[in-house]
Protein backbone atom coordinates (compact mmCIF):
# COMPACT_ATOMS: atom_id res chain seq x y z
CA MET A 1 -81.26 -36.51 -26.16
CA GLY A 2 -82.92 -38.97 -28.48
CA THR A 3 -84.16 -42.40 -27.76
CA VAL A 4 -81.21 -45.16 -26.69
CA GLU A 5 -82.47 -46.89 -30.10
CA SER A 6 -82.02 -43.72 -32.56
CA GLU A 7 -78.90 -43.08 -30.47
CA ALA A 8 -77.01 -46.30 -30.95
CA THR A 9 -78.38 -46.17 -34.78
CA ALA A 10 -76.58 -43.08 -35.29
CA TRP A 11 -73.77 -44.01 -33.43
CA LEU A 12 -73.27 -47.41 -35.44
CA ALA A 13 -73.66 -45.52 -38.58
CA LEU A 14 -70.85 -43.19 -37.95
CA LEU A 15 -68.40 -45.69 -36.94
CA ALA A 16 -68.92 -47.50 -39.76
CA VAL A 17 -67.61 -45.09 -41.88
CA ASP A 18 -64.45 -45.62 -42.90
CA GLY A 19 -61.42 -43.64 -41.21
CA VAL A 20 -63.58 -42.68 -38.18
CA GLY A 21 -62.89 -44.69 -35.35
CA PRO A 22 -64.51 -44.00 -31.52
CA SER A 23 -61.83 -41.58 -30.66
CA THR A 24 -62.81 -39.35 -33.90
CA ALA A 25 -66.97 -40.31 -33.32
CA ASN A 26 -66.37 -39.18 -29.61
CA ARG A 27 -64.54 -35.90 -30.54
CA LEU A 28 -67.26 -35.08 -33.44
CA ALA A 29 -70.29 -36.13 -31.46
CA GLU A 30 -68.69 -33.82 -28.54
CA HIS A 31 -68.25 -30.98 -30.96
CA PHE A 32 -71.63 -31.07 -32.59
CA GLY A 33 -73.31 -31.84 -29.47
CA GLY A 34 -74.37 -35.25 -30.17
CA VAL A 35 -73.72 -38.07 -32.68
CA SER A 36 -77.14 -37.53 -34.87
CA ARG A 37 -76.45 -33.27 -35.17
CA ALA A 38 -72.82 -34.78 -36.32
CA ILE A 39 -74.10 -36.54 -38.95
CA ARG A 40 -76.45 -33.73 -40.41
CA SER A 41 -73.79 -31.32 -40.14
CA ALA A 42 -71.72 -33.14 -42.38
CA ASN A 43 -74.56 -32.62 -45.33
CA THR A 44 -74.80 -28.73 -44.58
CA MET A 45 -71.35 -27.84 -44.33
CA SER A 46 -68.21 -27.97 -46.33
CA ALA A 47 -65.68 -30.43 -45.47
CA ARG A 48 -63.14 -27.36 -44.00
CA ASP A 49 -65.82 -25.59 -42.03
CA TYR A 50 -66.93 -29.23 -40.37
CA CYS A 51 -63.58 -29.89 -39.25
CA ALA A 52 -62.98 -26.36 -37.93
CA GLY A 53 -63.24 -26.79 -34.27
CA VAL A 54 -62.70 -30.09 -33.67
CA PRO A 55 -59.93 -31.58 -32.03
CA GLY A 56 -57.51 -32.77 -34.33
CA GLY A 57 -60.04 -31.75 -37.22
CA ARG A 58 -57.17 -31.02 -39.66
CA LYS A 59 -56.96 -34.59 -40.14
CA ILE A 60 -60.12 -35.53 -41.06
CA ARG A 61 -59.85 -35.84 -44.76
CA PRO A 62 -62.57 -34.45 -46.75
CA GLU A 63 -63.44 -37.86 -48.01
CA VAL A 64 -64.51 -39.27 -44.55
CA VAL A 65 -66.63 -35.80 -44.20
CA ALA A 66 -68.37 -36.83 -47.36
CA ALA A 67 -68.82 -40.32 -46.38
CA ILE A 68 -70.19 -39.27 -42.86
CA ALA A 69 -73.01 -36.97 -45.02
CA ARG A 70 -73.83 -40.35 -46.68
CA ALA A 71 -73.81 -42.51 -43.27
CA ASP A 72 -75.96 -45.17 -43.58
CA ILE A 73 -78.61 -45.17 -41.22
CA ALA A 74 -80.79 -48.07 -42.24
CA ARG A 75 -78.13 -50.79 -42.08
CA ALA A 76 -77.11 -49.37 -38.83
CA ARG A 77 -80.97 -50.05 -37.91
CA ALA A 78 -81.20 -53.43 -39.24
CA VAL A 79 -77.99 -54.20 -37.44
CA ILE A 80 -79.49 -53.42 -33.91
CA THR A 81 -82.41 -55.10 -35.10
CA GLY A 82 -80.71 -58.22 -35.58
CA ALA A 83 -78.94 -58.29 -32.59
CA ARG A 84 -81.71 -58.13 -30.38
CA ALA A 85 -82.99 -60.64 -32.23
CA ARG A 86 -80.21 -62.84 -30.93
CA GLY A 87 -80.93 -61.78 -27.36
CA ILE A 88 -78.08 -59.20 -27.31
CA GLU A 89 -78.51 -55.63 -25.47
CA VAL A 90 -77.25 -52.68 -27.30
CA TRP A 91 -75.76 -50.33 -24.71
CA VAL A 92 -75.20 -46.47 -25.55
CA ARG A 93 -72.35 -44.11 -24.09
CA GLY A 94 -73.99 -41.81 -21.32
CA ARG A 95 -76.93 -44.23 -20.57
CA GLU A 96 -77.62 -45.74 -17.25
CA SER A 97 -76.44 -49.63 -18.40
CA TYR A 98 -73.19 -48.31 -19.85
CA PRO A 99 -70.27 -49.46 -17.32
CA PRO A 100 -68.79 -45.82 -16.01
CA GLY A 101 -65.13 -47.59 -15.96
CA LEU A 102 -65.18 -47.22 -19.75
CA LEU A 103 -65.40 -43.61 -19.56
CA ASN A 104 -61.97 -43.63 -18.02
CA LEU A 105 -60.79 -44.38 -21.41
CA PRO A 106 -59.28 -41.72 -23.98
CA ASP A 107 -61.66 -43.71 -26.50
CA PRO A 108 -64.47 -45.12 -25.10
CA PRO A 109 -66.57 -47.67 -27.23
CA PRO A 110 -69.73 -45.42 -27.93
CA VAL A 111 -71.58 -48.82 -28.33
CA LEU A 112 -71.51 -52.07 -26.76
CA PHE A 113 -73.19 -55.08 -27.73
CA VAL A 114 -73.78 -57.27 -24.77
CA ARG A 115 -75.27 -60.64 -24.04
CA PRO A 116 -76.73 -60.94 -20.46
CA PRO A 117 -76.78 -64.54 -18.76
CA GLY A 118 -79.08 -67.24 -20.02
CA ALA A 119 -81.78 -67.52 -22.96
CA ALA A 120 -83.12 -64.86 -25.23
CA GLY A 121 -86.71 -64.19 -23.90
CA ASP A 122 -86.18 -66.42 -20.71
CA ARG A 123 -84.37 -64.47 -18.38
CA PRO A 124 -85.29 -61.77 -15.93
CA SER A 125 -83.84 -58.31 -16.33
CA ALA A 126 -79.97 -58.69 -15.54
CA SER A 127 -77.85 -55.95 -14.03
CA PHE A 128 -74.22 -56.10 -15.15
CA PRO A 129 -71.87 -57.01 -12.07
CA THR A 130 -70.36 -54.06 -10.40
CA LYS A 131 -67.28 -55.87 -8.77
CA ARG A 132 -65.09 -56.87 -11.25
CA VAL A 133 -61.18 -58.32 -11.59
CA ALA A 134 -59.28 -59.02 -14.55
CA ILE A 135 -57.53 -62.32 -14.92
CA VAL A 136 -55.47 -62.39 -17.77
CA GLY A 137 -52.32 -64.36 -19.26
CA THR A 138 -50.78 -66.67 -22.24
CA ARG A 139 -52.95 -69.03 -24.40
CA ALA A 140 -50.22 -71.57 -24.23
CA ALA A 141 -50.81 -71.79 -20.58
CA THR A 142 -49.07 -74.72 -18.51
CA ALA A 143 -51.10 -76.68 -16.16
CA PRO A 144 -49.85 -75.15 -13.03
CA GLY A 145 -50.76 -71.77 -14.28
CA ARG A 146 -54.39 -72.66 -15.65
CA ARG A 147 -54.80 -74.08 -12.08
CA VAL A 148 -54.13 -70.85 -10.79
CA ALA A 149 -56.20 -69.20 -12.80
CA PHE A 150 -59.31 -71.56 -12.01
CA GLU A 151 -58.82 -71.47 -8.54
CA MET A 152 -58.26 -67.50 -8.49
CA GLY A 153 -61.15 -66.99 -10.49
CA ARG A 154 -63.27 -69.79 -8.28
CA ASP A 155 -62.37 -68.07 -5.15
CA LEU A 156 -62.88 -64.23 -6.26
CA GLY A 157 -66.43 -65.84 -7.14
CA THR A 158 -66.96 -66.96 -3.61
CA LEU A 159 -66.14 -63.44 -2.20
CA GLY A 160 -68.75 -62.18 -4.65
CA TRP A 161 -66.34 -60.73 -7.51
CA SER A 162 -66.85 -61.38 -11.22
CA VAL A 163 -63.94 -61.87 -13.08
CA VAL A 164 -63.24 -60.33 -16.48
CA SER A 165 -61.13 -61.61 -19.03
CA GLY A 166 -60.81 -62.24 -22.93
CA MET A 167 -62.23 -65.74 -23.81
CA ALA A 168 -58.84 -66.57 -24.83
CA SER A 169 -57.74 -70.25 -24.60
CA GLY A 170 -55.36 -70.56 -21.81
CA ILE A 171 -55.41 -68.86 -18.62
CA ASP A 172 -58.29 -66.71 -20.10
CA ALA A 173 -60.69 -69.50 -20.21
CA ALA A 174 -59.21 -70.97 -16.76
CA ALA A 175 -60.20 -68.21 -15.24
CA HIS A 176 -63.80 -67.74 -16.81
CA GLU A 177 -64.31 -71.33 -15.90
CA GLY A 178 -63.22 -70.88 -12.23
CA ASN A 179 -65.63 -68.00 -11.83
CA LEU A 180 -68.67 -69.58 -13.01
CA SER A 181 -68.05 -72.63 -10.89
CA SER A 182 -68.45 -70.88 -7.92
CA GLY A 183 -71.44 -68.41 -8.93
CA GLY A 184 -69.56 -65.73 -10.28
CA GLU A 185 -70.78 -63.87 -13.25
CA SER A 186 -68.01 -63.90 -15.58
CA ALA A 187 -67.68 -61.50 -18.20
CA GLY A 188 -65.97 -62.11 -21.44
CA VAL A 189 -64.56 -59.42 -23.49
CA LEU A 190 -64.77 -60.21 -27.30
CA GLY A 191 -62.39 -59.25 -30.09
CA SER A 192 -64.92 -59.50 -32.56
CA GLY A 193 -68.40 -59.38 -33.11
CA HIS A 194 -70.92 -62.05 -31.18
CA GLN A 195 -71.21 -64.37 -34.39
CA HIS A 196 -68.10 -65.27 -34.14
CA GLN A 197 -67.04 -67.91 -31.96
CA TYR A 198 -62.83 -67.12 -31.55
CA PRO A 199 -61.24 -69.02 -30.54
CA PRO A 200 -63.13 -72.28 -32.09
CA GLY A 201 -61.66 -74.41 -29.27
CA ASN A 202 -63.53 -72.85 -26.77
CA ALA A 203 -67.06 -73.84 -27.50
CA ARG A 204 -67.83 -75.59 -24.65
CA LEU A 205 -66.84 -71.93 -22.45
CA TYR A 206 -68.69 -69.85 -24.81
CA GLY A 207 -72.04 -72.11 -24.15
CA GLU A 208 -71.49 -71.73 -20.59
CA MET A 209 -70.73 -68.25 -20.69
CA ARG A 210 -74.43 -67.96 -22.69
CA GLU A 211 -75.92 -69.81 -19.85
CA SER A 212 -74.29 -67.82 -16.79
CA GLY A 213 -71.88 -65.06 -17.70
CA TRP A 214 -71.94 -62.01 -19.98
CA LEU A 215 -70.31 -61.32 -23.31
CA VAL A 216 -69.18 -58.06 -24.27
CA SER A 217 -68.15 -56.81 -27.55
CA GLU A 218 -67.72 -53.38 -29.18
CA PHE A 219 -68.01 -54.56 -32.63
CA GLU A 220 -70.95 -55.49 -34.68
CA PRO A 221 -72.04 -59.10 -34.50
CA SER A 222 -70.70 -59.79 -38.15
CA GLU A 223 -67.30 -58.84 -37.47
CA LYS A 224 -64.77 -61.40 -38.04
CA PRO A 225 -61.71 -61.25 -35.37
CA VAL A 226 -58.35 -59.50 -36.79
CA LYS A 227 -55.40 -58.93 -35.51
CA SER A 228 -55.86 -55.12 -34.75
CA SER A 229 -58.94 -56.19 -32.91
CA PHE A 230 -57.31 -57.68 -29.85
CA PRO A 231 -55.33 -54.55 -28.33
CA ARG A 232 -59.25 -52.73 -28.65
CA ARG A 233 -60.78 -55.89 -26.59
CA ASN A 234 -58.04 -55.37 -23.93
CA ARG A 235 -58.53 -52.00 -22.92
CA ILE A 236 -61.96 -52.52 -22.30
CA ILE A 237 -60.73 -55.58 -20.30
CA ALA A 238 -58.43 -52.97 -18.29
CA ALA A 239 -61.29 -50.05 -18.03
CA LEU A 240 -63.96 -52.56 -16.93
CA SER A 241 -62.05 -53.94 -14.01
CA GLU A 242 -60.68 -52.37 -10.58
CA ALA A 243 -57.89 -54.49 -10.91
CA VAL A 244 -55.81 -56.38 -13.26
CA VAL A 245 -53.94 -59.98 -12.20
CA VAL A 246 -51.40 -61.52 -14.82
CA VAL A 247 -51.03 -64.95 -14.09
CA GLU A 248 -48.94 -66.34 -17.19
CA ALA A 249 -46.91 -64.18 -19.42
CA GLY A 250 -44.22 -63.62 -21.79
CA MET A 251 -42.39 -60.49 -21.96
CA ARG A 252 -44.40 -59.64 -25.12
CA SER A 253 -47.85 -60.76 -24.64
CA GLY A 254 -51.16 -59.15 -24.84
CA ALA A 255 -51.47 -59.38 -21.02
CA ARG A 256 -48.57 -57.15 -21.00
CA ILE A 257 -50.71 -54.79 -22.98
CA THR A 258 -53.75 -54.91 -20.51
CA ALA A 259 -51.48 -54.22 -17.87
CA GLU A 260 -50.43 -51.09 -19.84
CA PHE A 261 -53.70 -49.88 -20.00
CA ALA A 262 -54.66 -50.73 -16.53
CA LEU A 263 -51.58 -48.74 -15.39
CA ASP A 264 -52.77 -45.57 -17.37
CA LEU A 265 -56.43 -45.65 -16.25
CA GLY A 266 -54.92 -46.08 -12.60
CA ARG A 267 -56.08 -49.89 -11.90
CA ALA A 268 -53.89 -51.88 -9.60
CA VAL A 269 -52.03 -54.19 -11.58
CA LEU A 270 -50.76 -57.69 -9.81
CA ALA A 271 -48.60 -60.71 -10.96
CA VAL A 272 -48.63 -64.28 -10.36
CA PRO A 273 -44.73 -65.30 -9.71
CA GLY A 274 -43.54 -68.23 -11.66
CA ARG A 275 -40.17 -70.22 -12.22
CA VAL A 276 -37.14 -67.93 -13.27
CA HIS A 277 -36.13 -69.83 -15.97
CA ASP A 278 -39.52 -70.13 -17.62
CA ARG A 279 -40.32 -68.04 -20.50
CA LYS A 280 -44.00 -68.18 -19.77
CA SER A 281 -43.40 -66.38 -16.59
CA ALA A 282 -41.02 -63.89 -17.70
CA GLY A 283 -43.60 -61.26 -18.20
CA CYS A 284 -44.98 -61.64 -14.69
CA LEU A 285 -41.55 -61.62 -12.78
CA ASP A 286 -40.24 -58.65 -14.59
CA LEU A 287 -43.82 -56.59 -13.71
CA LEU A 288 -42.95 -57.75 -9.98
CA GLY A 289 -39.43 -56.32 -10.34
CA ASP A 290 -41.13 -53.39 -11.59
CA GLY A 291 -43.22 -53.04 -8.35
CA ALA A 292 -46.59 -55.27 -9.60
CA ILE A 293 -48.59 -56.40 -6.65
CA LEU A 294 -47.77 -59.93 -5.84
CA ALA A 295 -50.87 -62.15 -6.22
CA ARG A 296 -50.97 -65.39 -4.22
CA GLY A 297 -54.56 -65.84 -4.21
CA ALA A 298 -58.10 -64.16 -4.16
CA HIS A 299 -57.53 -62.36 -0.96
CA ASP A 300 -54.24 -60.67 -2.05
CA VAL A 301 -56.55 -59.13 -5.29
CA VAL A 302 -59.35 -58.17 -2.93
CA ALA A 303 -56.88 -56.36 -0.66
CA ALA A 304 -55.03 -54.38 -3.81
CA VAL A 305 -58.75 -53.10 -4.70
CA GLU A 306 -58.96 -52.11 -1.15
CA ASN A 307 -55.77 -50.22 -0.71
CA GLN A 308 -55.73 -49.07 -4.66
CA SER A 309 -55.71 -45.44 -3.39
CA GLY A 310 -52.94 -45.67 -0.77
CA GLY A 311 -49.89 -46.95 -3.36
CA GLY A 312 -49.21 -50.28 -5.67
CA PHE A 313 -47.91 -50.31 -9.02
CA ARG A 314 -46.95 -46.51 -10.32
CA GLY A 315 -45.49 -47.77 -13.81
CA TRP A 316 -42.73 -48.94 -15.25
CA PRO A 317 -39.05 -47.25 -15.20
CA ARG A 318 -37.52 -46.21 -18.05
CA PRO A 319 -33.66 -45.51 -17.51
CA GLU A 320 -32.85 -45.32 -20.60
CA LEU A 321 -34.87 -42.21 -21.34
CA GLU A 322 -32.87 -39.28 -19.35
CA THR A 323 -34.65 -36.32 -19.71
CA GLU A 324 -38.52 -35.28 -19.32
CA GLU A 325 -38.58 -34.70 -23.46
CA ASP A 326 -37.34 -37.80 -24.05
CA CYS A 327 -40.35 -39.98 -22.02
CA PRO A 328 -42.72 -40.97 -24.04
CA ALA A 329 -46.37 -39.32 -23.79
CA THR A 330 -49.23 -41.21 -22.75
CA GLY A 331 -50.42 -41.55 -26.62
CA ASP A 332 -46.86 -42.82 -27.61
CA ARG A 333 -47.28 -45.36 -24.81
CA ALA A 334 -50.33 -46.41 -26.14
CA VAL A 335 -48.42 -47.41 -29.31
CA LEU A 336 -45.44 -49.25 -27.43
CA ALA A 337 -48.11 -51.52 -25.62
CA ALA A 338 -49.55 -52.30 -29.03
CA LEU A 339 -46.12 -53.24 -30.54
CA ARG A 340 -45.42 -55.58 -27.46
CA ASP A 341 -47.24 -58.24 -29.01
CA GLY A 342 -45.25 -58.17 -32.17
CA ALA A 343 -44.25 -55.83 -35.43
CA MET A 344 -46.87 -53.99 -37.01
CA THR A 345 -47.50 -51.73 -40.03
CA VAL A 346 -48.89 -47.99 -39.95
CA ASP A 347 -52.12 -49.30 -41.55
CA GLN A 348 -52.50 -51.97 -38.75
CA LEU A 349 -51.82 -49.83 -35.54
CA SER A 350 -54.24 -47.20 -37.04
CA PRO A 351 -57.17 -49.34 -36.67
CA ALA A 352 -55.70 -50.87 -33.34
CA LEU A 353 -55.45 -47.89 -31.77
CA SER A 354 -58.74 -46.02 -33.40
CA TRP A 355 -56.09 -43.20 -34.55
CA SER A 356 -55.84 -41.55 -37.96
CA LEU A 357 -52.68 -42.62 -40.18
CA ALA A 358 -51.06 -39.08 -39.42
CA ASP A 359 -51.30 -39.58 -35.35
CA VAL A 360 -49.61 -42.62 -35.93
CA ILE A 361 -46.85 -41.62 -38.05
CA ALA A 362 -45.89 -38.82 -36.08
CA ALA A 363 -45.82 -41.32 -32.91
CA LEU A 364 -44.08 -43.81 -34.56
CA GLY A 365 -41.48 -41.21 -35.67
CA ARG A 366 -40.85 -39.78 -32.02
CA LEU A 367 -40.51 -43.50 -30.50
CA GLU A 368 -38.10 -43.92 -33.62
CA LEU A 369 -35.85 -41.04 -33.02
CA GLN A 370 -35.31 -41.92 -28.99
CA GLY A 371 -34.40 -45.56 -30.09
CA ALA A 372 -37.64 -47.11 -28.46
CA ILE A 373 -38.86 -48.92 -31.72
CA GLN A 374 -37.41 -50.31 -35.26
CA LYS A 375 -38.58 -50.64 -38.72
CA ASP A 376 -37.84 -53.82 -40.45
CA LEU A 377 -37.74 -54.65 -44.13
CA ARG A 378 -41.62 -54.92 -44.61
CA GLY A 379 -41.86 -51.55 -43.57
CA ALA A 380 -43.27 -53.17 -40.07
CA PHE A 381 -42.81 -51.53 -36.61
CA ASP A 382 -41.15 -53.27 -33.56
CA LEU A 383 -39.92 -52.72 -30.04
CA ALA A 384 -36.25 -52.27 -30.13
CA PRO A 385 -34.02 -54.61 -28.27
CA PRO A 386 -32.85 -53.01 -24.73
CA ARG A 387 -29.79 -51.52 -25.18
CA LEU A 388 -26.99 -52.73 -22.67
CA PHE A 389 -24.64 -49.93 -22.23
């Protein structure tokens, strides 16, 4: 194993190759015995030999192998130097600083850019909080919803828990602010690089988080937020947390995607009840109807974490899928989760899921045959409406 800096440099150079996401990068590193060896081997082997034996290697195109051989180490090194100059730490998979919960993901981010609390060069060595719960919900939150998120975040901080969320407006922002108000070291997971403050209206929250919380991103600091970044962010929110609490959410929302990821990872899933006819509470009520744990306050959340091994939310029923062969595989469920936020094309789904185009097309074909999704006139895929009979 090389130094942390050399490993981080190699990972970033590999991930910068068009057609290589976290899933492919992890498979290559495992097969070749390290990320640096994966890059060097691309210079000495034919594309066919290079891909032989790599899980899913037949789907790696020859031009991708050629690009891996040309991976720009100097550029990657400059990215790391620039990040550290801004007070951003670089955490590498397999090292002590890397949060172990992320290893539960099928595609853990090989590198994280993390900004600890306080000003760069003026802070003691900080340790990432170990007791973490996610609070997520709609950006267009109601005043009561924001109050619930703030109070729950505040009370969790009082009990020694940090709140993880996505730095969005609405529920996310309220939960972060509440946690910070009681001394919690809230963790914000970004859907962009650190140089971009998204949404721009959260400037005050970003300032508070830089002072007292943690900001985490798998994206290079200069990367802008794009639609496909947010499902990737949501999987990290779920993996960093021992439980996910949904405060206000529609039926098709990013918060539901986070809950799906949490379910697949074996985390506790909780929901705050809302008014029956309020569309912003429809997702929470649906989760509760399907077995999510009722969240009335911070103590319910802590109790759910402590009792996690004894039961809790085990999944959403799919009565329309009658046989074992009909049930979506775990990977197909990830596609369904991504589509909950709206229609997406194959080209959008591929980077969002860190899958090859071939894998995305195969999954879409299976789901379309099952009637779970439909294709619109633009060629984008969306969830099919529920069957009434």
